[in-house]
Amino acid sequence: MNPSQTLTQFLPRILTPSEMRAERDRLHAEGRTLVFTNGCFDILHRGHADYLAFARSQGDALIVGLNSDASVRRAKGPTRPVNPEQDRAYVLGSLSAVDFVVIFDEDEPRDLIAQILPDVLVKGKDWAHYVSGRDIIEANGGRVVLAEMVEGRSTTATIEKMKIV
């Protein structure tokens, strides 16, 4: 095996929504449970790592729906994201807990969830008041799981701390 072939086996799986749907169908044919979560994942920290590990523990494969740069700017303001979407996707996809990354441009992942139809939807308990796509998941026999959050860990808090230093 040449070195470039060896390297490609370690590259993350960043898929389009339609590619992810085909992969979902393949995984379902194998009887595997597919988990979905989403977020900006701008500056990764311990809270993200714990959250993604928890999400992955809910099934056999984890898809991360990643907000595009435009989506993050609409949600977080003009100075965000700190890291561009392709970099965020690459870093997420290289984590052992993450099997697939799909970038989406909408403000929330509802349409992506409807297209992929995962078995489990994981969100942080800080979103207990509203989980985008909950109705879709539950109408298709899936379940929604709320994850504990690591206290004091957030990208916004990290950025604020960096401003002080």
C-alpha atoms as a PDB file:
ATOM      1  CA  MET A   1       0.000   0.000   0.000  1.00  0.00           C
ATOM      2  CA  ASN A   2       1.417   3.401  -0.907  1.00  0.00           C
ATOM      3  CA  PRO A   3       1.522   6.209   1.687  1.00  0.00           C
ATOM      4  CA  SER A   4      -1.331   8.218   0.118  1.00  0.00           C
ATOM      5  CA  GLN A   5      -3.641   5.186   0.257  1.00  0.00           C
ATOM      6  CA  THR A   6      -2.732   4.708   3.914  1.00  0.00           C
ATOM      7  CA  LEU A   7      -3.523   8.351   4.682  1.00  0.00           C
ATOM      8  CA  THR A   8      -6.969   8.266   3.047  1.00  0.00           C
ATOM      9  CA  GLN A   9      -8.171   5.587   5.452  1.00  0.00           C
ATOM     10  CA  PHE A  10      -7.751   8.120   8.276  1.00  0.00           C
ATOM     11  CA  LEU A  11      -9.555  11.036   6.628  1.00  0.00           C
ATOM     12  CA  PRO A  12     -12.920  11.918   8.142  1.00  0.00           C
ATOM     13  CA  ARG A  13     -16.208  10.973   6.505  1.00  0.00           C
ATOM     14  CA  ILE A  14     -17.718  14.326   5.488  1.00  0.00           C
ATOM     15  CA  LEU A  15     -20.808  13.585   3.406  1.00  0.00           C
ATOM     16  CA  THR A  16     -23.537  15.494   1.612  1.00  0.00           C
ATOM     17  CA  PRO A  17     -27.094  14.960   2.883  1.00  0.00           C
ATOM     18  CA  SER A  18     -27.917  12.616  -0.018  1.00  0.00           C
ATOM     19  CA  GLU A  19     -24.699  10.617   0.518  1.00  0.00           C
ATOM     20  CA  MET A  20     -25.578  10.364   4.210  1.00  0.00           C
ATOM     21  CA  ARG A  21     -29.066   9.092   3.401  1.00  0.00           C
ATOM     22  CA  ALA A  22     -27.557   6.339   1.241  1.00  0.00           C
ATOM     23  CA  GLU A  23     -25.130   5.486   4.049  1.00  0.00           C
ATOM     24  CA  ARG A  24     -28.028   5.456   6.523  1.00  0.00           C
ATOM     25  CA  ASP A  25     -29.896   2.985   4.306  1.00  0.00           C
ATOM     26  CA  ARG A  26     -26.805   0.753   4.147  1.00  0.00           C
ATOM     27  CA  LEU A  27     -26.376   0.875   7.927  1.00  0.00           C
ATOM     28  CA  HIS A  28     -30.054   0.083   8.505  1.00  0.00           C
ATOM     29  CA  ALA A  29     -29.772  -2.912   6.157  1.00  0.00           C
ATOM     30  CA  GLU A  30     -27.020  -4.152   8.502  1.00  0.00           C
ATOM     31  CA  GLY A  31     -29.328  -3.650  11.503  1.00  0.00           C
ATOM     32  CA  ARG A  32     -27.246  -0.798  12.930  1.00  0.00           C
ATOM     33  CA  THR A  33     -28.657   2.069  15.018  1.00  0.00           C
ATOM     34  CA  LEU A  34     -27.882   5.546  13.731  1.00  0.00           C
ATOM     35  CA  VAL A  35     -27.523   8.506  16.117  1.00  0.00           C
ATOM     36  CA  PHE A  36     -27.693  12.167  15.099  1.00  0.00           C
ATOM     37  CA  THR A  37     -26.660  15.331  16.876  1.00  0.00           C
ATOM     38  CA  ASN A  38     -25.865  18.792  15.643  1.00  0.00           C
ATOM     39  CA  GLY A  39     -24.161  22.041  16.522  1.00  0.00           C
ATOM     40  CA  CYS A  40     -21.591  24.678  15.593  1.00  0.00           C
ATOM     41  CA  PHE A  41     -18.604  22.951  17.255  1.00  0.00           C
ATOM     42  CA  ASP A  42     -16.501  26.056  16.657  1.00  0.00           C
ATOM     43  CA  ILE A  43     -13.690  25.692  19.203  1.00  0.00           C
ATOM     44  CA  LEU A  44     -13.691  22.129  20.497  1.00  0.00           C
ATOM     45  CA  HIS A  45     -13.380  21.679  24.254  1.00  0.00           C
ATOM     46  CA  ARG A  46     -13.939  19.022  26.910  1.00  0.00           C
ATOM     47  CA  GLY A  47     -17.694  19.619  26.935  1.00  0.00           C
ATOM     48  CA  HIS A  48     -17.851  18.783  23.234  1.00  0.00           C
ATOM     49  CA  ALA A  49     -15.742  15.649  23.691  1.00  0.00           C
ATOM     50  CA  ASP A  50     -17.942  14.366  26.530  1.00  0.00           C
ATOM     51  CA  TYR A  51     -21.110  15.244  24.643  1.00  0.00           C
ATOM     52  CA  LEU A  52     -20.024  13.501  21.431  1.00  0.00           C
ATOM     53  CA  ALA A  53     -18.868  10.397  23.318  1.00  0.00           C
ATOM     54  CA  PHE A  54     -22.241  10.257  25.071  1.00  0.00           C
ATOM     55  CA  ALA A  55     -24.097  10.675  21.766  1.00  0.00           C
ATOM     56  CA  ARG A  56     -22.036   7.893  20.144  1.00  0.00           C
ATOM     57  CA  SER A  57     -22.831   5.574  23.071  1.00  0.00           C
ATOM     58  CA  GLN A  58     -26.521   5.751  22.133  1.00  0.00           C
ATOM     59  CA  GLY A  59     -26.089   3.662  18.980  1.00  0.00           C
ATOM     60  CA  ASP A  60     -23.761   2.100  16.443  1.00  0.00           C
ATOM     61  CA  ALA A  61     -22.788   5.158  14.384  1.00  0.00           C
ATOM     62  CA  LEU A  62     -22.861   8.911  15.023  1.00  0.00           C
ATOM     63  CA  ILE A  63     -23.711  11.588  12.478  1.00  0.00           C
ATOM     64  CA  VAL A  64     -22.900  15.172  13.398  1.00  0.00           C
ATOM     65  CA  GLY A  65     -24.940  17.806  11.587  1.00  0.00           C
ATOM     66  CA  LEU A  66     -22.601  20.795  11.445  1.00  0.00           C
ATOM     67  CA  ASN A  67     -23.904  24.333  11.049  1.00  0.00           C
ATOM     68  CA  SER A  68     -22.371  26.035   8.009  1.00  0.00           C
ATOM     69  CA  ASP A  69     -20.452  29.276   8.440  1.00  0.00           C
ATOM     70  CA  ALA A  70     -23.484  31.294   7.285  1.00  0.00           C
ATOM     71  CA  SER A  71     -25.731  29.453   9.742  1.00  0.00           C
ATOM     72  CA  VAL A  72     -23.321  30.084  12.619  1.00  0.00           C
ATOM     73  CA  ARG A  73     -23.109  33.806  11.763  1.00  0.00           C
ATOM     74  CA  ARG A  74     -26.894  34.082  11.821  1.00  0.00           C
ATOM     75  CA  ALA A  75     -27.031  32.379  15.221  1.00  0.00           C
ATOM     76  CA  LYS A  76     -23.907  33.733  16.941  1.00  0.00           C
ATOM     77  CA  GLY A  77     -23.135  37.034  15.218  1.00  0.00           C
ATOM     78  CA  PRO A  78     -20.692  38.421  12.645  1.00  0.00           C
ATOM     79  CA  THR A  79     -17.495  37.424  14.471  1.00  0.00           C
ATOM     80  CA  ARG A  80     -18.343  33.733  14.471  1.00  0.00           C
ATOM     81  CA  PRO A  81     -17.400  31.115  13.620  1.00  0.00           C
ATOM     82  CA  VAL A  82     -13.770  31.360  14.605  1.00  0.00           C
ATOM     83  CA  ASN A  83     -12.935  28.305  12.488  1.00  0.00           C
ATOM     84  CA  PRO A  84     -14.333  27.792   8.958  1.00  0.00           C
ATOM     85  CA  GLU A  85     -16.814  24.982   8.298  1.00  0.00           C
ATOM     86  CA  GLN A  86     -14.410  22.723   6.404  1.00  0.00           C
ATOM     87  CA  ASP A  87     -11.887  22.903   9.270  1.00  0.00           C
ATOM     88  CA  ARG A  88     -14.609  22.289  11.860  1.00  0.00           C
ATOM     89  CA  ALA A  89     -15.912  19.332   9.830  1.00  0.00           C
ATOM     90  CA  TYR A  90     -12.439  17.873   9.414  1.00  0.00           C
ATOM     91  CA  VAL A  91     -11.605  18.102  13.124  1.00  0.00           C
ATOM     92  CA  LEU A  92     -14.982  16.658  14.148  1.00  0.00           C
ATOM     93  CA  GLY A  93     -14.665  13.832  11.656  1.00  0.00           C
ATOM     94  CA  SER A  94     -11.255  12.880  12.981  1.00  0.00           C
ATOM     95  CA  LEU A  95     -12.646  12.215  16.478  1.00  0.00           C
ATOM     96  CA  SER A  96     -13.168   8.543  17.305  1.00  0.00           C
ATOM     97  CA  ALA A  97     -16.739   9.177  18.518  1.00  0.00           C
ATOM     98  CA  VAL A  98     -17.820  10.694  15.189  1.00  0.00           C
ATOM     99  CA  ASP A  99     -18.542   8.474  12.203  1.00  0.00           C
ATOM    100  CA  PHE A 100     -19.959  11.036   9.765  1.00  0.00           C
ATOM    101  CA  VAL A 101     -20.242  14.819   9.411  1.00  0.00           C
ATOM    102  CA  VAL A 102     -22.869  16.569   7.280  1.00  0.00           C
ATOM    103  CA  ILE A 103     -22.768  20.357   6.880  1.00  0.00           C
ATOM    104  CA  PHE A 104     -26.147  22.108   6.722  1.00  0.00           C
ATOM    105  CA  ASP A 105     -26.954  25.738   5.926  1.00  0.00           C
ATOM    106  CA  GLU A 106     -30.355  26.143   7.576  1.00  0.00           C
ATOM    107  CA  ASP A 107     -30.784  27.727  11.006  1.00  0.00           C
ATOM    108  CA  GLU A 108     -31.856  24.394  12.468  1.00  0.00           C
ATOM    109  CA  PRO A 109     -31.368  20.780  11.333  1.00  0.00           C
ATOM    110  CA  ARG A 110     -35.043  19.850  10.879  1.00  0.00           C
ATOM    111  CA  ASP A 111     -34.840  19.306   7.088  1.00  0.00           C
ATOM    112  CA  LEU A 112     -31.602  17.330   7.418  1.00  0.00           C
ATOM    113  CA  ILE A 113     -33.137  15.131  10.109  1.00  0.00           C
ATOM    114  CA  ALA A 114     -36.175  14.528   7.881  1.00  0.00           C
ATOM    115  CA  GLN A 115     -33.904  13.509   5.007  1.00  0.00           C
ATOM    116  CA  ILE A 116     -31.622  11.205   6.998  1.00  0.00           C
ATOM    117  CA  LEU A 117     -34.178   9.805   9.490  1.00  0.00           C
ATOM    118  CA  PRO A 118     -31.778   8.642  12.206  1.00  0.00           C
ATOM    119  CA  ASP A 119     -32.960   6.302  14.956  1.00  0.00           C
ATOM    120  CA  VAL A 120     -31.800   8.459  17.861  1.00  0.00           C
ATOM    121  CA  LEU A 121     -31.567  12.232  18.205  1.00  0.00           C
ATOM    122  CA  VAL A 122     -29.275  13.576  20.946  1.00  0.00           C
ATOM    123  CA  LYS A 123     -29.317  17.163  22.211  1.00  0.00           C
ATOM    124  CA  GLY A 124     -27.933  18.776  25.316  1.00  0.00           C
ATOM    125  CA  LYS A 125     -30.282  19.272  28.252  1.00  0.00           C
ATOM    126  CA  ASP A 126     -29.877  22.999  27.696  1.00  0.00           C
ATOM    127  CA  TRP A 127     -32.131  22.447  24.650  1.00  0.00           C
ATOM    128  CA  ALA A 128     -34.812  20.486  26.555  1.00  0.00           C
ATOM    129  CA  HIS A 129     -37.317  23.273  25.814  1.00  0.00           C
ATOM    130  CA  TYR A 130     -36.991  22.714  22.049  1.00  0.00           C
ATOM    131  CA  VAL A 131     -35.415  19.883  20.107  1.00  0.00           C
ATOM    132  CA  SER A 132     -35.561  20.531  16.368  1.00  0.00           C
ATOM    133  CA  GLY A 133     -36.802  17.401  14.602  1.00  0.00           C
ATOM    134  CA  ARG A 134     -38.168  15.711  17.732  1.00  0.00           C
ATOM    135  CA  ASP A 135     -41.564  15.190  16.103  1.00  0.00           C
ATOM    136  CA  ILE A 136     -39.971  13.646  12.997  1.00  0.00           C
ATOM    137  CA  ILE A 137     -37.854  11.213  15.009  1.00  0.00           C
ATOM    138  CA  GLU A 138     -40.700  10.147  17.298  1.00  0.00           C
ATOM    139  CA  ALA A 139     -43.188   9.818  14.406  1.00  0.00           C
ATOM    140  CA  ASN A 140     -40.744   7.368  12.786  1.00  0.00           C
ATOM    141  CA  GLY A 141     -40.323   5.241  15.910  1.00  0.00           C
ATOM    142  CA  GLY A 142     -37.060   6.807  17.052  1.00  0.00           C
ATOM    143  CA  ARG A 143     -36.133   8.331  20.367  1.00  0.00           C
ATOM    144  CA  VAL A 144     -34.781  11.625  21.639  1.00  0.00           C
ATOM    145  CA  VAL A 145     -32.110  11.608  24.347  1.00  0.00           C
ATOM    146  CA  LEU A 146     -31.050  14.666  26.328  1.00  0.00           C
ATOM    147  CA  ALA A 147     -27.393  14.721  27.348  1.00  0.00           C
ATOM    148  CA  GLU A 148     -25.892  16.213  30.494  1.00  0.00           C
ATOM    149  CA  MET A 149     -23.643  19.188  29.863  1.00  0.00           C
ATOM    150  CA  VAL A 150     -20.186  19.798  31.360  1.00  0.00           C
ATOM    151  CA  GLU A 151     -20.585  22.800  33.643  1.00  0.00           C
ATOM    152  CA  GLY A 152     -18.622  25.891  32.647  1.00  0.00           C
ATOM    153  CA  ARG A 153     -17.508  24.575  29.270  1.00  0.00           C
ATOM    154  CA  SER A 154     -18.638  26.440  26.153  1.00  0.00           C
ATOM    155  CA  THR A 155     -17.090  27.995  23.085  1.00  0.00           C
ATOM    156  CA  THR A 156     -18.509  31.386  24.070  1.00  0.00           C
ATOM    157  CA  ALA A 157     -16.890  31.123  27.529  1.00  0.00           C
ATOM    158  CA  THR A 158     -13.587  30.118  25.912  1.00  0.00           C
ATOM    159  CA  ILE A 159     -13.673  33.141  23.601  1.00  0.00           C
ATOM    160  CA  GLU A 160     -14.519  35.462  26.505  1.00  0.00           C
ATOM    161  CA  LYS A 161     -11.604  34.071  28.516  1.00  0.00           C
ATOM    162  CA  MET A 162      -9.263  34.620  25.563  1.00  0.00           C
ATOM    163  CA  LYS A 163     -10.324  38.283  25.413  1.00  0.00           C
ATOM    164  CA  ILE A 164      -9.230  38.752  29.035  1.00  0.00           C
ATOM    165  CA  VAL A 165      -5.805  37.185  28.616  1.00  0.00           C
END
